[in-house]
Amino acid sequence: MIKLLAVAKRQGNQISARVHPAMIPKAHPMASIQEAYNGIYVVGNAAADIMISGQGAGALPTASAIVSDVMNIIKSDTTGAIEEKKLKNLSMMPMEENLLCYYVHVKVEDTYGVLSAISAVFGKNQVSILAMSQEAAKDGEATLVFITHLTREGNLAQAVAEMRGLKMVRKVANVIRIEALADSK
């Protein structure tokens, strides 16, 4: 399932903050958010994970109301885990440093050596392939789909740019991030 996500995570002394479409598991609670509803999923350190959802469209129920609720939760933190002083010492993580899995859909010429060439590009850029499938060729064109292991965004972007330069690659049709949503525990 693909959802538009805003994701913020603390990773060491950095904050990873990003907004993008991403695949999520159908079994995840966020997958049930539909139509004009928004949701927030918070992974807790000492407490169980929390999900808040509500209408996100219309004159009164807006996304800012949900953000306001989250800020109120943070302000009422009684454990002292979140302090303004601690947040000031954090820096923003560059997007290319984020670690995610990716879905990569490529249209290629149906000829020998294509898979080898694409695998070489992935390997050169330190992108490890978790799974791969190929659809039957039609009109001289084959469809390849790759799922990667955790990969730096910058490495994947470089691999995709190089793939687009390969003579036998007709089109990189899609690159979609895969978000685990609970991997920050």
Foldseek 3Di string as FASTA:
>chain_A
DKDFDWDWDDDPQAIETDTDIAAEDCPDPQVPADDQKDKDWAPDDVDHIDMDMDGCDDDPRHPVVVVVVVVVVVVPDPVPPDDPVSNVRGYYDPQQQFWFKKKWKFKFFPDPPLVVVLVVLCVVLVWAWPDKDWDDDDPRIIMIITITDTDGNNSVVSSVVVSVVDPGTPDRPDMHTHDHSNVND
